[in-house]
N, C-alpha and C. Protein backbone atom coordinates (compact mmCIF):
# COMPACT_ATOMS: atom_id res chain seq x y z
N MET A 1 123.35 94.82 101.75
CA MET A 1 122.41 94.19 102.37
C MET A 1 121.59 93.13 101.95
N ILE A 2 121.68 92.10 102.34
CA ILE A 2 121.13 90.55 101.85
C ILE A 2 120.03 90.75 102.40
N LYS A 3 118.80 90.05 101.74
CA LYS A 3 117.37 90.32 101.61
C LYS A 3 117.45 89.12 102.85
N ASN A 4 116.76 88.87 103.55
CA ASN A 4 115.98 87.56 104.60
C ASN A 4 114.69 87.40 104.64
N MET A 5 113.84 88.04 104.02
CA MET A 5 112.52 87.45 103.88
C MET A 5 111.78 86.62 102.71
N GLY A 6 111.22 85.83 103.08
CA GLY A 6 110.62 85.10 102.26
C GLY A 6 109.36 85.37 101.39
N ASN A 7 109.06 84.31 100.22
CA ASN A 7 107.42 85.39 99.82
C ASN A 7 106.76 84.86 100.64
N THR A 8 106.15 84.30 101.56
CA THR A 8 105.23 83.93 102.16
C THR A 8 105.23 85.35 103.24
N ASP A 9 106.57 85.56 103.94
CA ASP A 9 106.61 86.51 104.53
C ASP A 9 106.36 88.08 104.24
N ARG A 10 106.80 87.88 103.04
CA ARG A 10 106.82 89.31 102.23
C ARG A 10 104.93 89.67 102.06
N ILE A 11 104.57 88.61 101.41
CA ILE A 11 102.74 88.48 101.30
C ILE A 11 102.22 88.94 102.30
N ILE A 12 102.61 88.12 103.61
CA ILE A 12 101.74 88.47 104.62
C ILE A 12 101.88 89.88 105.18
N ARG A 13 103.29 90.47 105.39
CA ARG A 13 103.56 91.70 105.58
C ARG A 13 102.52 92.61 104.99
N ILE A 14 102.55 92.62 103.51
CA ILE A 14 101.95 93.96 102.68
C ILE A 14 100.69 93.51 103.13
N ILE A 15 99.99 92.50 103.25
CA ILE A 15 98.49 92.19 103.84
C ILE A 15 98.07 93.38 104.93
N VAL A 16 99.22 93.00 106.21
CA VAL A 16 98.80 93.12 106.90
C VAL A 16 98.87 94.79 107.23
N GLY A 17 100.09 95.39 106.28
CA GLY A 17 100.34 97.08 106.10
C GLY A 17 99.17 97.35 105.41
N VAL A 18 98.75 97.00 104.59
CA VAL A 18 97.53 97.41 103.68
C VAL A 18 96.09 97.61 104.64
N ILE A 19 96.13 96.19 105.49
CA ILE A 19 95.14 96.30 106.50
C ILE A 19 94.97 97.65 107.64
N VAL A 20 96.54 97.82 108.37
CA VAL A 20 96.64 98.49 108.96
C VAL A 20 96.48 100.47 108.89
N ILE A 21 96.47 100.31 107.47
CA ILE A 21 96.70 101.68 106.57
C ILE A 21 95.07 102.09 106.55
N VAL A 22 94.39 101.41 105.66
CA VAL A 22 92.90 101.06 105.53
C VAL A 22 92.25 101.32 107.21
N LEU A 23 92.65 100.66 108.23
CA LEU A 23 91.83 101.06 109.53
C LEU A 23 92.06 102.07 110.14
N GLY A 24 93.14 102.62 109.62
CA GLY A 24 94.10 103.88 110.37
C GLY A 24 93.06 105.20 109.66
N ILE A 25 93.18 105.21 107.83
CA ILE A 25 92.02 106.02 107.50
C ILE A 25 90.86 105.89 107.69
N PHE A 26 90.32 104.53 108.08
CA PHE A 26 89.24 104.58 108.28
C PHE A 26 88.47 105.00 109.73
N PHE A 27 89.31 104.80 110.25
CA PHE A 27 89.36 105.45 111.97
C PHE A 27 89.88 106.64 112.40
N LYS A 28 90.77 107.34 111.04
CA LYS A 28 90.82 108.68 111.58
C LYS A 28 91.89 108.58 112.04
N SER A 29 92.91 107.64 112.44
CA SER A 29 93.49 107.54 113.33
C SER A 29 95.22 107.58 113.07
N TRP A 30 96.26 108.61 113.51
CA TRP A 30 97.62 108.19 113.12
C TRP A 30 97.89 107.06 113.22
N TRP A 31 97.10 106.31 113.91
CA TRP A 31 98.24 104.44 114.26
C TRP A 31 98.28 103.68 112.82
N GLY A 32 97.25 104.69 111.79
CA GLY A 32 97.47 103.50 110.55
C GLY A 32 98.66 103.83 109.89
N ALA A 33 99.77 104.99 109.88
CA ALA A 33 100.61 104.78 109.82
C ALA A 33 101.68 104.03 110.00
N ILE A 34 101.70 103.53 111.24
CA ILE A 34 102.15 102.04 111.79
C ILE A 34 102.46 101.10 110.70
N GLY A 35 101.53 100.82 109.46
CA GLY A 35 101.40 99.91 108.49
C GLY A 35 102.41 99.88 107.49
N LEU A 36 102.89 101.57 107.76
CA LEU A 36 103.90 101.64 106.54
C LEU A 36 105.17 100.78 106.74
N ILE A 37 105.33 100.45 108.11
CA ILE A 37 106.49 99.65 108.48
C ILE A 37 106.52 98.29 107.96
N PRO A 38 105.60 97.30 107.94
CA PRO A 38 105.57 96.10 107.10
C PRO A 38 105.51 96.11 105.87
N LEU A 39 104.79 97.11 105.42
CA LEU A 39 104.60 97.28 104.15
C LEU A 39 106.11 97.67 103.38
N ALA A 40 106.83 98.80 104.19
CA ALA A 40 108.02 98.81 103.56
C ALA A 40 108.81 98.14 103.63
N THR A 41 109.11 97.05 104.80
CA THR A 41 110.34 96.07 104.73
C THR A 41 109.96 94.70 103.92
N SER A 42 108.61 94.38 103.49
CA SER A 42 107.82 93.66 102.32
C SER A 42 108.59 94.11 101.13
N LEU A 43 108.86 95.38 100.63
CA LEU A 43 109.01 95.85 99.33
C LEU A 43 110.48 96.12 99.59
N ILE A 44 111.21 96.19 100.20
CA ILE A 44 112.62 95.70 100.16
C ILE A 44 113.38 94.42 100.44
N GLY A 45 112.59 93.47 101.18
CA GLY A 45 112.82 92.50 101.47
C GLY A 45 114.15 91.91 102.30
N TRP A 46 114.15 92.97 103.48
CA TRP A 46 114.86 93.20 104.55
C TRP A 46 114.11 93.69 105.72
N CYS A 47 114.29 93.14 107.18
CA CYS A 47 113.85 92.78 108.34
C CYS A 47 114.82 93.48 109.01
N PRO A 48 114.54 94.51 109.58
CA PRO A 48 116.29 95.04 110.65
C PRO A 48 115.88 94.14 111.74
N LEU A 49 114.84 93.51 111.92
CA LEU A 49 114.68 93.02 113.55
C LEU A 49 115.27 91.98 113.36
N TYR A 50 115.29 90.81 111.95
CA TYR A 50 116.02 89.46 111.61
C TYR A 50 117.34 89.54 111.82
N ALA A 51 117.95 90.56 111.57
CA ALA A 51 119.36 91.05 111.24
C ALA A 51 120.12 90.52 112.39
N PRO A 52 120.07 91.13 113.86
CA PRO A 52 120.55 90.81 114.84
C PRO A 52 120.82 89.51 115.28
N PHE A 53 119.72 88.37 115.27
CA PHE A 53 119.66 87.29 115.42
C PHE A 53 120.19 86.44 114.73
N LYS A 54 120.28 87.07 113.28
CA LYS A 54 120.95 85.91 112.12
C LYS A 54 119.49 85.21 111.60
N PHE A 55 118.45 85.32 111.32
CA PHE A 55 117.30 85.24 111.18
C PHE A 55 116.43 85.40 109.81
N SER A 56 116.42 84.55 109.22
CA SER A 56 116.05 84.32 107.74
C SER A 56 114.89 83.26 107.40
N THR A 57 113.94 84.23 107.23
CA THR A 57 112.61 83.06 105.93
C THR A 57 112.61 82.76 104.81
N MET A 58 114.07 83.28 104.07
CA MET A 58 113.86 82.87 102.87
C MET A 58 114.60 81.16 102.95
N LYS A 59 114.15 80.51 101.39
CA LYS A 59 114.60 78.94 101.29
C LYS A 59 116.06 78.64 101.48
N LYS A 60 116.19 77.70 101.64
CA LYS A 60 117.62 77.51 101.87
C LYS A 60 117.78 76.75 99.80
N SER A 61 118.55 77.67 99.37
CA SER A 61 118.76 76.64 98.27
C SER A 61 119.84 76.17 98.14
N GLY A 62 119.95 74.78 97.49
CA GLY A 62 121.27 74.02 97.36
C GLY A 62 120.60 72.68 98.76
């Protein structure tokens, strides 16, 4: 699996994921579990929604 997420994209996803999880805990809602998706994709560095479109936020080398 080739990584398709740049550092900025990963940082934003981590922040959004943590915020959604915290809000889910605060409001006692299972919707907080949705925050696991951006958190997981940022930790592995690969977004399955980017793959079919051959989209990448990584910087071009060279």
